[in-house]
PDB file of all heavy atoms in Angstrom:
ATOM      1  N   ASP A   1       5.186  -6.149  -2.705  1.00  0.00           N
ATOM      2  CA  ASP A   1       5.810  -4.758  -2.652  1.00  0.00           C
ATOM      3  C   ASP A   1       5.855  -4.169  -3.995  1.00  0.00           C
ATOM      4  O   ASP A   1       5.530  -2.944  -4.226  1.00  0.00           O
ATOM      5  CB  ASP A   1       7.200  -4.893  -1.992  1.00  0.00           C
ATOM      6  CG  ASP A   1       7.230  -5.045  -0.578  1.00  0.00           C
ATOM      7  OD1 ASP A   1       6.223  -5.307   0.092  1.00  0.00           O
ATOM      8  OD2 ASP A   1       8.308  -4.858   0.012  1.00  0.00           O
ATOM      9  N   ILE A   2       6.305  -4.936  -4.950  1.00  0.00           N
ATOM     10  CA  ILE A   2       6.512  -4.347  -6.372  1.00  0.00           C
ATOM     11  C   ILE A   2       5.243  -3.953  -6.910  1.00  0.00           C
ATOM     12  O   ILE A   2       5.105  -2.853  -7.381  1.00  0.00           O
ATOM     13  CB  ILE A   2       7.210  -5.409  -7.150  1.00  0.00           C
ATOM     14  CG1 ILE A   2       8.569  -5.775  -6.653  1.00  0.00           C
ATOM     15  CG2 ILE A   2       7.312  -4.891  -8.680  1.00  0.00           C
ATOM     16  CD1 ILE A   2       9.240  -6.955  -7.387  1.00  0.00           C
ATOM     17  N   ILE A   3       4.188  -4.739  -6.859  1.00  0.00           N
ATOM     18  CA  ILE A   3       2.932  -4.416  -7.537  1.00  0.00           C
ATOM     19  C   ILE A   3       2.166  -3.385  -6.829  1.00  0.00           C
ATOM     20  O   ILE A   3       1.510  -2.474  -7.482  1.00  0.00           O
ATOM     21  CB  ILE A   3       2.118  -5.779  -7.731  1.00  0.00           C
ATOM     22  CG1 ILE A   3       1.167  -5.672  -8.912  1.00  0.00           C
ATOM     23  CG2 ILE A   3       1.306  -6.127  -6.480  1.00  0.00           C
ATOM     24  CD1 ILE A   3       0.488  -6.896  -9.285  1.00  0.00           C
ATOM     25  N   VAL A   4       2.202  -3.320  -5.428  1.00  0.00           N
ATOM     26  CA  VAL A   4       1.545  -2.249  -4.840  1.00  0.00           C
ATOM     27  C   VAL A   4       2.321  -0.970  -5.170  1.00  0.00           C
ATOM     28  O   VAL A   4       1.634   0.093  -5.323  1.00  0.00           O
ATOM     29  CB  VAL A   4       1.495  -2.446  -3.247  1.00  0.00           C
ATOM     30  CG1 VAL A   4       1.031  -1.251  -2.566  1.00  0.00           C
ATOM     31  CG2 VAL A   4       0.691  -3.722  -2.972  1.00  0.00           C
ATOM     32  N   GLY A   5       3.515  -0.951  -5.249  1.00  0.00           N
ATOM     33  CA  GLY A   5       4.328   0.217  -5.553  1.00  0.00           C
ATOM     34  C   GLY A   5       3.942   0.753  -7.000  1.00  0.00           C
ATOM     35  O   GLY A   5       3.869   1.950  -7.177  1.00  0.00           O
ATOM     36  N   GLU A   6       3.782  -0.226  -7.880  1.00  0.00           N
ATOM     37  CA  GLU A   6       3.346   0.230  -9.298  1.00  0.00           C
ATOM     38  C   GLU A   6       2.008   0.886  -9.258  1.00  0.00           C
ATOM     39  O   GLU A   6       1.805   1.857 -10.002  1.00  0.00           O
ATOM     40  CB  GLU A   6       3.489  -1.012 -10.177  1.00  0.00           C
ATOM     41  CG  GLU A   6       4.832  -1.480 -10.501  1.00  0.00           C
ATOM     42  CD  GLU A   6       4.795  -2.768 -11.417  1.00  0.00           C
ATOM     43  OE1 GLU A   6       3.701  -3.233 -11.612  1.00  0.00           O
ATOM     44  OE2 GLU A   6       5.920  -3.193 -11.746  1.00  0.00           O
ATOM     45  N   ILE A   7       1.090   0.239  -8.510  1.00  0.00           N
ATOM     46  CA  ILE A   7      -0.226   0.979  -8.463  1.00  0.00           C
ATOM     47  C   ILE A   7      -0.222   2.321  -7.819  1.00  0.00           C
ATOM     48  O   ILE A   7      -0.914   3.270  -8.311  1.00  0.00           O
ATOM     49  CB  ILE A   7      -1.215  -0.044  -7.649  1.00  0.00           C
ATOM     50  CG1 ILE A   7      -1.448  -1.330  -8.416  1.00  0.00           C
ATOM     51  CG2 ILE A   7      -2.552   0.624  -7.366  1.00  0.00           C
ATOM     52  CD1 ILE A   7      -2.149  -2.406  -7.576  1.00  0.00           C
ATOM     53  N   LEU A   8       0.556   2.465  -6.781  1.00  0.00           N
ATOM     54  CA  LEU A   8       0.706   3.786  -6.152  1.00  0.00           C
ATOM     55  C   LEU A   8       1.395   4.734  -7.096  1.00  0.00           C
ATOM     56  O   LEU A   8       0.934   5.893  -7.266  1.00  0.00           O
ATOM     57  CB  LEU A   8       1.492   3.617  -4.898  1.00  0.00           C
ATOM     58  CG  LEU A   8       0.808   2.864  -3.725  1.00  0.00           C
ATOM     59  CD1 LEU A   8       1.898   2.562  -2.570  1.00  0.00           C
ATOM     60  CD2 LEU A   8      -0.338   3.594  -3.131  1.00  0.00           C
ATOM     61  N   ASP A   9       2.424   4.338  -7.698  1.00  0.00           N
ATOM     62  CA  ASP A   9       3.274   5.323  -8.604  1.00  0.00           C
ATOM     63  C   ASP A   9       2.435   5.766  -9.788  1.00  0.00           C
ATOM     64  O   ASP A   9       2.526   6.820 -10.236  1.00  0.00           O
ATOM     65  CB  ASP A   9       4.572   4.611  -8.954  1.00  0.00           C
ATOM     66  CG  ASP A   9       5.495   4.440  -7.867  1.00  0.00           C
ATOM     67  OD1 ASP A   9       5.348   5.088  -6.832  1.00  0.00           O
ATOM     68  OD2 ASP A   9       6.467   3.651  -8.112  1.00  0.00           O
ATOM     69  N   SER A  10       1.555   4.918 -10.258  1.00  0.00           N
ATOM     70  CA  SER A  10       0.658   5.296 -11.490  1.00  0.00           C
ATOM     71  C   SER A  10      -0.435   6.092 -11.148  1.00  0.00           C
ATOM     72  O   SER A  10      -1.058   6.661 -11.983  1.00  0.00           O
ATOM     73  CB  SER A  10       0.227   3.952 -12.126  1.00  0.00           C
ATOM     74  OG  SER A  10      -0.795   3.362 -11.231  1.00  0.00           O
ATOM     75  N   GLY A  11      -0.727   6.338  -9.789  1.00  0.00           N
ATOM     76  CA  GLY A  11      -1.864   7.154  -9.432  1.00  0.00           C
ATOM     77  C   GLY A  11      -3.209   6.394  -9.641  1.00  0.00           C
ATOM     78  O   GLY A  11      -4.289   6.928  -9.231  1.00  0.00           O
ATOM     79  N   PHE A  12      -3.141   5.081 -10.027  1.00  0.00           N
ATOM     80  CA  PHE A  12      -4.389   4.350 -10.213  1.00  0.00           C
ATOM     81  C   PHE A  12      -5.167   4.111  -8.918  1.00  0.00           C
ATOM     82  O   PHE A  12      -6.323   3.881  -8.940  1.00  0.00           O
ATOM     83  CB  PHE A  12      -4.019   3.035 -10.822  1.00  0.00           C
ATOM     84  CG  PHE A  12      -5.190   2.175 -11.374  1.00  0.00           C
ATOM     85  CD1 PHE A  12      -5.911   2.629 -12.425  1.00  0.00           C
ATOM     86  CD2 PHE A  12      -5.520   0.994 -10.750  1.00  0.00           C
ATOM     87  CE1 PHE A  12      -7.005   1.892 -12.931  1.00  0.00           C
ATOM     88  CE2 PHE A  12      -6.658   0.258 -11.141  1.00  0.00           C
ATOM     89  CZ  PHE A  12      -7.322   0.646 -12.258  1.00  0.00           C
ATOM     90  N   ILE A  13      -4.470   4.189  -7.863  1.00  0.00           N
ATOM     91  CA  ILE A  13      -5.126   3.915  -6.567  1.00  0.00           C
ATOM     92  C   ILE A  13      -6.337   4.948  -6.343  1.00  0.00           C
ATOM     93  O   ILE A  13      -7.268   4.567  -5.677  1.00  0.00           O
ATOM     94  CB  ILE A  13      -4.167   4.038  -5.322  1.00  0.00           C
ATOM     95  CG1 ILE A  13      -4.849   3.568  -4.136  1.00  0.00           C
ATOM     96  CG2 ILE A  13      -3.543   5.404  -5.255  1.00  0.00           C
ATOM     97  CD1 ILE A  13      -3.897   3.455  -2.909  1.00  0.00           C
ATOM     98  N   GLU A  14      -6.216   6.086  -6.940  1.00  0.00           N
ATOM     99  CA  GLU A  14      -7.248   7.126  -6.646  1.00  0.00           C
ATOM    100  C   GLU A  14      -8.554   6.749  -7.187  1.00  0.00           C
ATOM    101  O   GLU A  14      -9.617   7.343  -6.900  1.00  0.00           O
ATOM    102  CB  GLU A  14      -6.734   8.468  -7.206  1.00  0.00           C
ATOM    103  CG  GLU A  14      -5.484   8.941  -6.520  1.00  0.00           C
ATOM    104  CD  GLU A  14      -5.550   9.015  -5.085  1.00  0.00           C
ATOM    105  OE1 GLU A  14      -6.651   9.304  -4.501  1.00  0.00           O
ATOM    106  OE2 GLU A  14      -4.460   8.957  -4.498  1.00  0.00           O
ATOM    107  N   VAL A  15      -8.699   5.912  -8.282  1.00  0.00           N
ATOM    108  CA  VAL A  15      -9.896   5.501  -8.866  1.00  0.00           C
ATOM    109  C   VAL A  15     -10.500   4.234  -8.321  1.00  0.00           C
ATOM    110  O   VAL A  15     -11.526   3.718  -8.926  1.00  0.00           O
ATOM    111  CB  VAL A  15      -9.770   5.463 -10.453  1.00  0.00           C
ATOM    112  CG1 VAL A  15      -9.342   6.852 -10.887  1.00  0.00           C
ATOM    113  CG2 VAL A  15      -8.829   4.432 -10.885  1.00  0.00           C
ATOM    114  N   LEU A  16      -9.829   3.653  -7.328  1.00  0.00           N
ATOM    115  CA  LEU A  16     -10.327   2.276  -6.786  1.00  0.00           C
ATOM    116  C   LEU A  16     -11.400   2.532  -5.777  1.00  0.00           C
ATOM    117  O   LEU A  16     -11.500   3.505  -5.142  1.00  0.00           O
ATOM    118  CB  LEU A  16      -9.108   1.553  -6.189  1.00  0.00           C
ATOM    119  CG  LEU A  16      -7.914   1.242  -7.130  1.00  0.00           C
ATOM    120  CD1 LEU A  16      -6.885   0.545  -6.475  1.00  0.00           C
ATOM    121  CD2 LEU A  16      -8.486   0.364  -8.332  1.00  0.00           C
ATOM    122  N   GLU A  17     -12.162   1.408  -5.650  1.00  0.00           N
ATOM    123  CA  GLU A  17     -13.214   1.481  -4.607  1.00  0.00           C
ATOM    124  C   GLU A  17     -12.537   1.709  -3.209  1.00  0.00           C
ATOM    125  O   GLU A  17     -11.405   1.302  -2.998  1.00  0.00           O
ATOM    126  CB  GLU A  17     -14.027   0.111  -4.635  1.00  0.00           C
ATOM    127  CG  GLU A  17     -13.213  -1.077  -4.406  1.00  0.00           C
ATOM    128  CD  GLU A  17     -13.979  -2.406  -4.429  1.00  0.00           C
ATOM    129  OE1 GLU A  17     -14.661  -2.665  -3.392  1.00  0.00           O
ATOM    130  OE2 GLU A  17     -14.085  -3.013  -5.566  1.00  0.00           O
ATOM    131  N   PRO A  18     -13.333   2.253  -2.287  1.00  0.00           N
ATOM    132  CA  PRO A  18     -12.661   2.706  -0.952  1.00  0.00           C
ATOM    133  C   PRO A  18     -12.017   1.587  -0.195  1.00  0.00           C
ATOM    134  O   PRO A  18     -10.924   1.725   0.288  1.00  0.00           O
ATOM    135  CB  PRO A  18     -13.901   3.275  -0.273  1.00  0.00           C
ATOM    136  CG  PRO A  18     -14.826   3.621  -1.354  1.00  0.00           C
ATOM    137  CD  PRO A  18     -14.691   2.718  -2.434  1.00  0.00           C
ATOM    138  N   ASN A  19     -12.630   0.324  -0.157  1.00  0.00           N
ATOM    139  CA  ASN A  19     -12.054  -0.697   0.642  1.00  0.00           C
ATOM    140  C   ASN A  19     -10.709  -1.207   0.117  1.00  0.00           C
ATOM    141  O   ASN A  19      -9.807  -1.591   0.873  1.00  0.00           O
ATOM    142  CB  ASN A  19     -13.030  -1.858   0.811  1.00  0.00           C
ATOM    143  CG  ASN A  19     -14.221  -1.544   1.632  1.00  0.00           C
ATOM    144  OD1 ASN A  19     -14.307  -0.456   2.282  1.00  0.00           O
ATOM    145  ND2 ASN A  19     -15.216  -2.352   1.668  1.00  0.00           N
ATOM    146  N   VAL A  20     -10.651  -1.274  -1.244  1.00  0.00           N
ATOM    147  CA  VAL A  20      -9.419  -1.698  -1.791  1.00  0.00           C
ATOM    148  C   VAL A  20      -8.373  -0.616  -1.608  1.00  0.00           C
ATOM    149  O   VAL A  20      -7.151  -0.982  -1.365  1.00  0.00           O
ATOM    150  CB  VAL A  20      -9.575  -1.929  -3.396  1.00  0.00           C
ATOM    151  CG1 VAL A  20      -8.259  -2.232  -4.014  1.00  0.00           C
ATOM    152  CG2 VAL A  20     -10.543  -3.076  -3.597  1.00  0.00           C
ATOM    153  N   LYS A  21      -8.702   0.660  -1.709  1.00  0.00           N
ATOM    154  CA  LYS A  21      -7.844   1.745  -1.481  1.00  0.00           C
ATOM    155  C   LYS A  21      -7.237   1.601  -0.021  1.00  0.00           C
ATOM    156  O   LYS A  21      -6.081   1.798   0.219  1.00  0.00           O
ATOM    157  CB  LYS A  21      -8.460   3.037  -1.653  1.00  0.00           C
ATOM    158  CG  LYS A  21      -7.608   4.214  -1.674  1.00  0.00           C
ATOM    159  CD  LYS A  21      -8.420   5.571  -1.813  1.00  0.00           C
ATOM    160  CE  LYS A  21      -9.042   5.632  -3.195  1.00  0.00           C
ATOM    161  NZ  LYS A  21      -9.706   6.980  -3.370  1.00  0.00           N
ATOM    162  N   ALA A  22      -8.188   1.329   0.970  1.00  0.00           N
ATOM    163  CA  ALA A  22      -7.784   1.185   2.354  1.00  0.00           C
ATOM    164  C   ALA A  22      -6.737   0.016   2.538  1.00  0.00           C
ATOM    165  O   ALA A  22      -5.765   0.183   3.199  1.00  0.00           O
ATOM    166  CB  ALA A  22      -8.988   0.906   3.172  1.00  0.00           C
ATOM    167  N   MET A  23      -6.960  -1.055   1.869  1.00  0.00           N
ATOM    168  CA  MET A  23      -6.000  -2.225   1.986  1.00  0.00           C
ATOM    169  C   MET A  23      -4.650  -1.730   1.378  1.00  0.00           C
ATOM    170  O   MET A  23      -3.697  -2.152   1.963  1.00  0.00           O
ATOM    171  CB  MET A  23      -6.607  -3.414   1.191  1.00  0.00           C
ATOM    172  CG  MET A  23      -5.664  -4.545   1.078  1.00  0.00           C
ATOM    173  SD  MET A  23      -5.353  -5.460   2.616  1.00  0.00           S
ATOM    174  CE  MET A  23      -6.673  -6.618   2.487  1.00  0.00           C
ATOM    175  N   LEU A  24      -4.623  -1.135   0.227  1.00  0.00           N
ATOM    176  CA  LEU A  24      -3.343  -0.771  -0.338  1.00  0.00           C
ATOM    177  C   LEU A  24      -2.670   0.240   0.420  1.00  0.00           C
ATOM    178  O   LEU A  24      -1.396   0.239   0.541  1.00  0.00           O
ATOM    179  CB  LEU A  24      -3.575  -0.312  -1.792  1.00  0.00           C
ATOM    180  CG  LEU A  24      -4.111  -1.343  -2.778  1.00  0.00           C
ATOM    181  CD1 LEU A  24      -4.225  -0.810  -4.175  1.00  0.00           C
ATOM    182  CD2 LEU A  24      -3.298  -2.642  -2.815  1.00  0.00           C
ATOM    183  N   ARG A  25      -3.386   1.233   0.951  1.00  0.00           N
ATOM    184  CA  ARG A  25      -2.773   2.211   1.930  1.00  0.00           C
ATOM    185  C   ARG A  25      -2.190   1.537   3.105  1.00  0.00           C
ATOM    186  O   ARG A  25      -1.079   1.950   3.617  1.00  0.00           O
ATOM    187  CB  ARG A  25      -3.748   3.270   2.224  1.00  0.00           C
ATOM    188  CG  ARG A  25      -4.119   4.247   1.032  1.00  0.00           C
ATOM    189  CD  ARG A  25      -3.022   4.977   0.555  1.00  0.00           C
ATOM    190  NE  ARG A  25      -3.347   5.983  -0.442  1.00  0.00           N
ATOM    191  CZ  ARG A  25      -2.525   6.559  -1.297  1.00  0.00           C
ATOM    192  NH1 ARG A  25      -1.291   6.287  -1.316  1.00  0.00           N
ATOM    193  NH2 ARG A  25      -2.907   7.529  -2.144  1.00  0.00           N
ATOM    194  N   PHE A  26      -2.912   0.585   3.673  1.00  0.00           N
ATOM    195  CA  PHE A  26      -2.414  -0.115   4.838  1.00  0.00           C
ATOM    196  C   PHE A  26      -1.181  -0.804   4.465  1.00  0.00           C
ATOM    197  O   PHE A  26      -0.128  -0.823   5.220  1.00  0.00           O
ATOM    198  CB  PHE A  26      -3.535  -1.139   5.254  1.00  0.00           C
ATOM    199  CG  PHE A  26      -2.939  -2.241   6.179  1.00  0.00           C
ATOM    200  CD1 PHE A  26      -2.927  -1.988   7.528  1.00  0.00           C
ATOM    201  CD2 PHE A  26      -2.510  -3.462   5.715  1.00  0.00           C
ATOM    202  CE1 PHE A  26      -2.500  -2.943   8.383  1.00  0.00           C
ATOM    203  CE2 PHE A  26      -2.050  -4.377   6.598  1.00  0.00           C
ATOM    204  CZ  PHE A  26      -2.001  -4.259   7.944  1.00  0.00           C
ATOM    205  N   TYR A  27      -1.031  -1.433   3.297  1.00  0.00           N
ATOM    206  CA  TYR A  27       0.191  -2.208   2.925  1.00  0.00           C
ATOM    207  C   TYR A  27       1.276  -1.228   2.694  1.00  0.00           C
ATOM    208  O   TYR A  27       2.387  -1.424   3.178  1.00  0.00           O
ATOM    209  CB  TYR A  27      -0.091  -2.893   1.601  1.00  0.00           C
ATOM    210  CG  TYR A  27       0.994  -3.900   1.311  1.00  0.00           C
ATOM    211  CD1 TYR A  27       0.863  -5.293   1.612  1.00  0.00           C
ATOM    212  CD2 TYR A  27       2.166  -3.484   0.687  1.00  0.00           C
ATOM    213  CE1 TYR A  27       1.889  -6.220   1.391  1.00  0.00           C
ATOM    214  CE2 TYR A  27       3.256  -4.417   0.526  1.00  0.00           C
ATOM    215  CZ  TYR A  27       3.020  -5.719   0.825  1.00  0.00           C
ATOM    216  OH  TYR A  27       4.090  -6.609   0.586  1.00  0.00           O
ATOM    217  N   GLU A  28       1.012  -0.025   2.105  1.00  0.00           N
ATOM    218  CA  GLU A  28       2.000   0.916   1.851  1.00  0.00           C
ATOM    219  C   GLU A  28       2.652   1.393   3.154  1.00  0.00           C
ATOM    220  O   GLU A  28       3.883   1.552   3.298  1.00  0.00           O
ATOM    221  CB  GLU A  28       1.463   2.116   1.122  1.00  0.00           C
ATOM    222  CG  GLU A  28       2.504   3.283   0.922  1.00  0.00           C
ATOM    223  CD  GLU A  28       1.726   4.497   0.383  1.00  0.00           C
ATOM    224  OE1 GLU A  28       0.512   4.635   0.658  1.00  0.00           O
ATOM    225  OE2 GLU A  28       2.421   5.418  -0.114  1.00  0.00           O
ATOM    226  N   LYS A  29       1.789   1.706   4.166  1.00  0.00           N
ATOM    227  CA  LYS A  29       2.222   2.267   5.368  1.00  0.00           C
ATOM    228  C   LYS A  29       2.943   1.294   6.378  1.00  0.00           C
ATOM    229  O   LYS A  29       3.829   1.636   7.044  1.00  0.00           O
ATOM    230  CB  LYS A  29       1.096   2.913   6.133  1.00  0.00           C
ATOM    231  CG  LYS A  29       1.416   3.652   7.429  1.00  0.00           C
ATOM    232  CD  LYS A  29       0.237   4.473   7.971  1.00  0.00           C
ATOM    233  CE  LYS A  29       0.672   5.215   9.315  1.00  0.00           C
ATOM    234  NZ  LYS A  29      -0.520   5.953   9.844  1.00  0.00           N
ATOM    235  N   HIS A  30       2.468   0.053   6.369  1.00  0.00           N
ATOM    236  CA  HIS A  30       2.859  -0.915   7.437  1.00  0.00           C
ATOM    237  C   HIS A  30       3.651  -2.088   7.023  1.00  0.00           C
ATOM    238  O   HIS A  30       4.236  -2.801   7.831  1.00  0.00           O
ATOM    239  CB  HIS A  30       1.600  -1.396   8.218  1.00  0.00           C
ATOM    240  CG  HIS A  30       0.843  -0.232   8.854  1.00  0.00           C
ATOM    241  ND1 HIS A  30       1.312   0.450   9.966  1.00  0.00           N
ATOM    242  CD2 HIS A  30      -0.320   0.294   8.593  1.00  0.00           C
ATOM    243  CE1 HIS A  30       0.484   1.426  10.338  1.00  0.00           C
ATOM    244  NE2 HIS A  30      -0.569   1.298   9.531  1.00  0.00           N
ATOM    245  N   LEU A  31       3.784  -2.397   5.686  1.00  0.00           N
ATOM    246  CA  LEU A  31       4.394  -3.554   5.218  1.00  0.00           C
ATOM    247  C   LEU A  31       5.420  -3.359   4.084  1.00  0.00           C
ATOM    248  O   LEU A  31       6.386  -4.079   4.005  1.00  0.00           O
ATOM    249  CB  LEU A  31       3.410  -4.601   4.660  1.00  0.00           C
ATOM    250  CG  LEU A  31       2.468  -5.216   5.805  1.00  0.00           C
ATOM    251  CD1 LEU A  31       1.262  -5.902   5.054  1.00  0.00           C
ATOM    252  CD2 LEU A  31       3.252  -6.103   6.732  1.00  0.00           C
ATOM    253  N   MET A  32       5.251  -2.244   3.356  1.00  0.00           N
ATOM    254  CA  MET A  32       6.133  -1.988   2.215  1.00  0.00           C
ATOM    255  C   MET A  32       7.578  -1.771   2.698  1.00  0.00           C
ATOM    256  O   MET A  32       7.925  -0.974   3.570  1.00  0.00           O
ATOM    257  CB  MET A  32       5.719  -0.756   1.413  1.00  0.00           C
ATOM    258  CG  MET A  32       6.519  -0.361   0.318  1.00  0.00           C
ATOM    259  SD  MET A  32       5.996  -1.249  -1.150  1.00  0.00           S
ATOM    260  CE  MET A  32       4.508  -0.355  -1.548  1.00  0.00           C
ATOM    261  N   ASP A  33       8.543  -2.633   2.208  1.00  0.00           N
ATOM    262  CA  ASP A  33       9.859  -2.596   2.546  1.00  0.00           C
ATOM    263  C   ASP A  33      10.110  -2.725   4.078  1.00  0.00           C
ATOM    264  O   ASP A  33      11.045  -2.159   4.570  1.00  0.00           O
ATOM    265  CB  ASP A  33      10.553  -1.243   1.981  1.00  0.00           C
ATOM    266  CG  ASP A  33      10.486  -1.183   0.505  1.00  0.00           C
ATOM    267  OD1 ASP A  33      10.661  -2.239  -0.162  1.00  0.00           O
ATOM    268  OD2 ASP A  33      10.248  -0.063  -0.018  1.00  0.00           O
ATOM    269  N   ASP A  34       9.287  -3.377   4.766  1.00  0.00           N
ATOM    270  CA  ASP A  34       9.414  -3.524   6.168  1.00  0.00           C
ATOM    271  C   ASP A  34       9.176  -5.036   6.572  1.00  0.00           C
ATOM    272  O   ASP A  34       7.989  -5.408   6.743  1.00  0.00           O
ATOM    273  CB  ASP A  34       8.421  -2.566   6.920  1.00  0.00           C
ATOM    274  CG  ASP A  34       8.511  -2.618   8.416  1.00  0.00           C
ATOM    275  OD1 ASP A  34       9.450  -3.403   8.925  1.00  0.00           O
ATOM    276  OD2 ASP A  34       7.798  -1.840   9.104  1.00  0.00           O
ATOM    277  N   THR A  35      10.173  -5.725   6.841  1.00  0.00           N
ATOM    278  CA  THR A  35       9.967  -7.181   7.237  1.00  0.00           C
ATOM    279  C   THR A  35      10.175  -7.332   8.767  1.00  0.00           C
ATOM    280  O   THR A  35      10.167  -8.484   9.179  1.00  0.00           O
ATOM    281  CB  THR A  35      11.048  -8.059   6.483  1.00  0.00           C
ATOM    282  OG1 THR A  35      12.379  -7.613   6.731  1.00  0.00           O
ATOM    283  CG2 THR A  35      10.804  -7.975   4.953  1.00  0.00           C
ATOM    284  N   GLY A  36      10.391  -6.291   9.479  1.00  0.00           N
ATOM    285  CA  GLY A  36      10.596  -6.389  10.890  1.00  0.00           C
ATOM    286  C   GLY A  36       9.455  -5.866  11.703  1.00  0.00           C
ATOM    287  O   GLY A  36       9.548  -5.854  13.022  1.00  0.00           O
ATOM    288  N   GLY A  37       8.351  -5.426  11.075  1.00  0.00           N
ATOM    289  CA  GLY A  37       7.222  -5.018  11.841  1.00  0.00           C
ATOM    290  C   GLY A  37       7.399  -3.633  12.490  1.00  0.00           C
ATOM    291  O   GLY A  37       6.624  -3.213  13.336  1.00  0.00           O
ATOM    292  N   ILE A  38       8.409  -2.921  12.024  1.00  0.00           N
ATOM    293  CA  ILE A  38       8.662  -1.610  12.626  1.00  0.00           C
ATOM    294  C   ILE A  38       7.575  -0.606  12.470  1.00  0.00           C
ATOM    295  O   ILE A  38       7.138   0.059  13.465  1.00  0.00           O
ATOM    296  CB  ILE A  38       9.958  -0.975  11.890  1.00  0.00           C
ATOM    297  CG1 ILE A  38      11.140  -1.847  11.949  1.00  0.00           C
ATOM    298  CG2 ILE A  38      10.300   0.382  12.560  1.00  0.00           C
ATOM    299  CD1 ILE A  38      11.638  -2.184  13.363  1.00  0.00           C
ATOM    300  N   SER A  39       6.845  -0.625  11.326  1.00  0.00           N
ATOM    301  CA  SER A  39       5.765   0.217  11.054  1.00  0.00           C
ATOM    302  C   SER A  39       4.501  -0.231  11.712  1.00  0.00           C
ATOM    303  O   SER A  39       3.479   0.511  11.685  1.00  0.00           O
ATOM    304  CB  SER A  39       5.475   0.368   9.544  1.00  0.00           C
ATOM    305  OG  SER A  39       6.613   0.933   8.919  1.00  0.00           O
ATOM    306  N   MET A  40       4.492  -1.439  12.380  1.00  0.00           N
ATOM    307  CA  MET A  40       3.326  -1.881  13.091  1.00  0.00           C
ATOM    308  C   MET A  40       3.692  -1.858  14.659  1.00  0.00           C
ATOM    309  O   MET A  40       3.110  -2.647  15.360  1.00  0.00           O
ATOM    310  CB  MET A  40       2.946  -3.251  12.634  1.00  0.00           C
ATOM    311  CG  MET A  40       2.335  -3.206  11.214  1.00  0.00           C
ATOM    312  SD  MET A  40       1.601  -4.842  10.753  1.00  0.00           S
ATOM    313  CE  MET A  40       2.952  -5.819  10.549  1.00  0.00           C
ATOM    314  N   ASN A  41       4.606  -1.076  15.027  1.00  0.00           N
ATOM    315  CA  ASN A  41       4.863  -0.742  16.424  1.00  0.00           C
ATOM    316  C   ASN A  41       5.521  -1.890  17.064  1.00  0.00           C
ATOM    317  O   ASN A  41       5.487  -2.107  18.232  1.00  0.00           O
ATOM    318  CB  ASN A  41       3.596  -0.434  17.180  1.00  0.00           C
ATOM    319  CG  ASN A  41       2.892   0.813  16.581  1.00  0.00           C
ATOM    320  OD1 ASN A  41       3.552   1.768  16.222  1.00  0.00           O
ATOM    321  ND2 ASN A  41       1.517   0.731  16.511  1.00  0.00           N
TER     322      ASN A  41
END
């Protein structure tokens, strides 16, 4: 959570290759600060 948050906050995600960007966006939306699977329905 911490390291993905740092990558997002720095804006560095925008220069990453598409597949890595997709993985980090997936993590941000569905796992970040969510241990109950709420964001995964």
